[in-house]
C-alpha cells in the first residue's frame, strides 16, 4: 500500500505578484528554475493537461498532469493522471509590490521508500525544491530588472 509524502517550500520574491504568477503559469518555463524537471509540454489542444519529464542521476520519469484548480494570482493546483503519482499546488501571496510563492508537492511511494524518506530521501527532495524556489526568486527578479531597464 502506498502513502503520500508532502513537502512544502516557499520563496519571498522582490517582484509583483503578477510577474510571479505569469512565470509559474507558463508551465513550459519551469525547467529554467526546477533542476530535476527536464521538460514540460502543454499540448495546444488540451491546455489543462501538461506532459512532464523528470531526469536526475540517470533516472527518468514521465507523467501527465491536469490542472484541477486555477485561480489567477492565487493558486495553481494539479494532480497527475498517469505515470509518476503526484499532486500539489503553487500558492501566491501579494505583499504590495513583492510576493511570496509557496510550492507544495505530494507524491505516492511504496512502504520501503517511506522508510528511506524518513532517513534521507525527504531531506533531499525538500532541499532540492527549496533550491528550485531560490532559483525562481533569482529568475523572477532578473526578469523584473530586464523589464524595467
Protein backbone atom coordinates (compact mmCIF):
# COMPACT_ATOMS: atom_id res chain seq x y z
CA UNK A 1 0.00 0.00 0.00
CA UNK A 2 1.36 3.42 -0.96
CA UNK A 3 1.47 6.51 1.18
CA UNK A 4 1.51 10.14 0.09
CA UNK A 5 4.50 12.21 1.22
CA UNK A 6 4.25 16.01 1.29
CA UNK A 7 6.89 18.72 1.03
CA UNK A 8 6.33 22.48 1.14
CA UNK A 9 8.82 25.25 0.44
CA UNK A 10 8.46 28.95 -0.28
CA UNK A 11 10.31 31.98 -1.54
CA UNK A 12 9.81 35.67 -0.86
CA UNK A 13 10.32 37.32 -4.23
CA UNK A 14 11.00 41.00 -4.80
CA UNK A 15 8.62 41.24 -7.76
CA UNK A 16 4.91 41.98 -8.01
CA UNK A 17 2.56 39.03 -7.69
CA UNK A 18 1.53 39.48 -11.34
CA UNK A 19 5.05 38.59 -12.52
CA UNK A 20 5.37 35.62 -10.15
CA UNK A 21 2.02 34.38 -11.45
CA UNK A 22 2.94 34.97 -15.09
CA UNK A 23 6.15 32.96 -14.81
CA UNK A 24 4.66 30.00 -12.92
CA UNK A 25 1.51 29.82 -15.04
CA UNK A 26 3.68 29.28 -18.15
CA UNK A 27 4.45 25.67 -17.22
CA UNK A 28 6.89 25.20 -20.08
CA UNK A 29 9.28 27.70 -18.40
CA UNK A 30 9.69 25.60 -15.24
CA UNK A 31 12.86 23.76 -16.35
CA UNK A 32 14.59 27.15 -16.20
CA UNK A 33 14.48 27.07 -12.39
CA UNK A 34 13.49 23.50 -11.45
CA UNK A 35 16.65 21.38 -11.63
CA UNK A 36 15.03 17.93 -11.84
CA UNK A 37 12.47 18.92 -14.46
CA UNK A 38 13.91 18.23 -17.90
CA UNK A 39 10.87 19.41 -19.86
CA UNK A 40 7.21 20.40 -19.65
CA UNK A 41 4.99 20.46 -22.70
CA UNK A 42 1.41 21.76 -22.87
CA UNK A 43 -0.37 20.48 -25.99
CA UNK A 44 -2.43 23.30 -27.56
CA UNK A 45 -5.44 21.01 -27.95
CA UNK A 46 -5.54 20.22 -24.20
CA UNK A 47 -4.35 23.30 -22.27
CA UNK A 48 -5.34 21.81 -18.89
CA UNK A 49 -3.02 18.80 -19.45
CA UNK A 50 0.77 19.01 -19.31
CA UNK A 51 3.38 16.38 -20.11
CA UNK A 52 6.32 16.30 -17.69
CA UNK A 53 9.73 14.70 -17.82
CA UNK A 54 11.89 14.45 -14.71
CA UNK A 55 15.53 13.44 -15.18
CA UNK A 56 18.18 13.14 -12.48
CA UNK A 57 21.08 10.86 -11.72
CA UNK A 58 20.38 8.63 -14.71
CA UNK A 59 16.71 8.17 -13.69
CA UNK A 60 13.92 9.39 -15.91
CA UNK A 61 10.20 9.61 -15.19
CA UNK A 62 7.39 10.97 -17.31
CA UNK A 63 3.79 11.72 -16.46
CA UNK A 64 0.81 13.79 -17.43
CA UNK A 65 -0.79 16.25 -15.05
CA UNK A 66 -4.12 18.00 -15.10
CA UNK A 67 -4.77 21.45 -13.65
CA UNK A 68 -7.51 20.85 -11.08
CA UNK A 69 -7.84 24.36 -9.68
CA UNK A 70 -6.67 27.64 -11.17
CA UNK A 71 -7.48 30.96 -9.53
CA UNK A 72 -5.48 33.79 -11.13
CA UNK A 73 -2.93 35.40 -8.81
CA UNK A 74 -3.80 32.88 -6.06
CA UNK A 75 -3.32 29.19 -6.86
CA UNK A 76 -2.42 26.63 -9.49
CA UNK A 77 -3.27 23.13 -8.30
CA UNK A 78 -2.59 19.88 -10.17
CA UNK A 79 -2.63 16.11 -9.99
CA UNK A 80 -1.04 13.51 -12.21
CA UNK A 81 -3.35 11.49 -14.43
CA UNK A 82 -0.77 8.87 -15.39
CA UNK A 83 2.86 7.99 -14.78
CA UNK A 84 4.57 9.22 -11.60
CA UNK A 85 1.80 9.69 -8.97
CA UNK A 86 1.98 13.27 -7.71
CA UNK A 87 -0.13 16.29 -6.90
CA UNK A 88 0.43 19.71 -5.48
CA UNK A 89 -0.12 23.43 -5.61
CA UNK A 90 1.62 26.73 -6.17
CA UNK A 91 0.14 29.45 -3.97
CA UNK A 92 0.76 33.15 -4.44
CA UNK A 93 0.64 35.82 -1.73
CA UNK A 94 0.59 39.53 -2.54
CA UNK A 95 2.64 41.92 -0.40
CA UNK A 96 2.00 45.15 -2.32
CA UNK A 97 4.87 45.12 -4.82
CA UNK A 98 6.51 41.89 -3.67
CA UNK A 99 5.18 38.37 -3.43
CA UNK A 100 5.58 35.06 -1.68
CA UNK A 101 5.31 31.86 -3.68
CA UNK A 102 4.68 28.59 -1.83
CA UNK A 103 5.15 25.23 -3.54
CA UNK A 104 3.62 22.06 -2.09
CA UNK A 105 4.44 18.75 -3.77
CA UNK A 106 2.99 15.38 -2.78
CA UNK A 107 3.97 12.04 -4.22
CA UNK A 108 2.92 8.46 -3.66
CA UNK A 109 5.57 5.97 -2.59
CA UNK A 110 5.62 2.29 -1.59
CA UNK A 111 6.42 1.37 2.06
CA UNK A 112 10.15 0.78 1.53
CA UNK A 113 10.53 4.27 0.09
CA UNK A 114 8.61 5.68 3.08
CA UNK A 115 11.33 4.26 5.29
CA UNK A 116 14.00 5.82 3.05
CA UNK A 117 12.11 9.12 3.15
CA UNK A 118 12.38 9.17 6.93
CA UNK A 119 16.13 8.60 6.68
CA UNK A 120 17.27 10.89 3.88
CA UNK A 121 15.08 11.00 0.78
CA UNK A 122 12.69 13.58 2.23
CA UNK A 123 15.57 15.91 3.11
CA UNK A 124 16.99 15.55 -0.41
CA UNK A 125 13.61 16.28 -2.03
CA UNK A 126 12.90 19.24 0.23
CA UNK A 127 16.38 20.78 -0.17
CA UNK A 128 16.12 20.36 -3.95
CA UNK A 129 12.69 22.01 -4.01
CA UNK A 130 13.99 24.89 -1.86
CA UNK A 131 16.95 25.34 -4.21
CA UNK A 132 14.43 25.43 -7.09
CA UNK A 133 12.49 28.16 -5.30
CA UNK A 134 15.70 30.11 -4.70
CA UNK A 135 16.49 29.84 -8.44
CA UNK A 136 12.94 31.01 -9.18
CA UNK A 137 13.48 34.06 -6.96
CA UNK A 138 16.64 34.94 -8.91
CA UNK A 139 14.97 34.24 -12.27
CA UNK A 140 11.93 36.39 -11.44
CA UNK A 141 13.98 39.27 -10.04
CA UNK A 142 16.21 39.25 -13.14
CA UNK A 143 13.09 39.23 -15.35
CA UNK A 144 11.74 42.21 -13.40
CA UNK A 145 15.04 44.11 -13.79
CA UNK A 146 15.07 43.41 -17.55
CA UNK A 147 11.53 44.76 -17.88
CA UNK A 148 12.29 47.96 -16.01
CA UNK A 149 15.62 48.60 -17.79
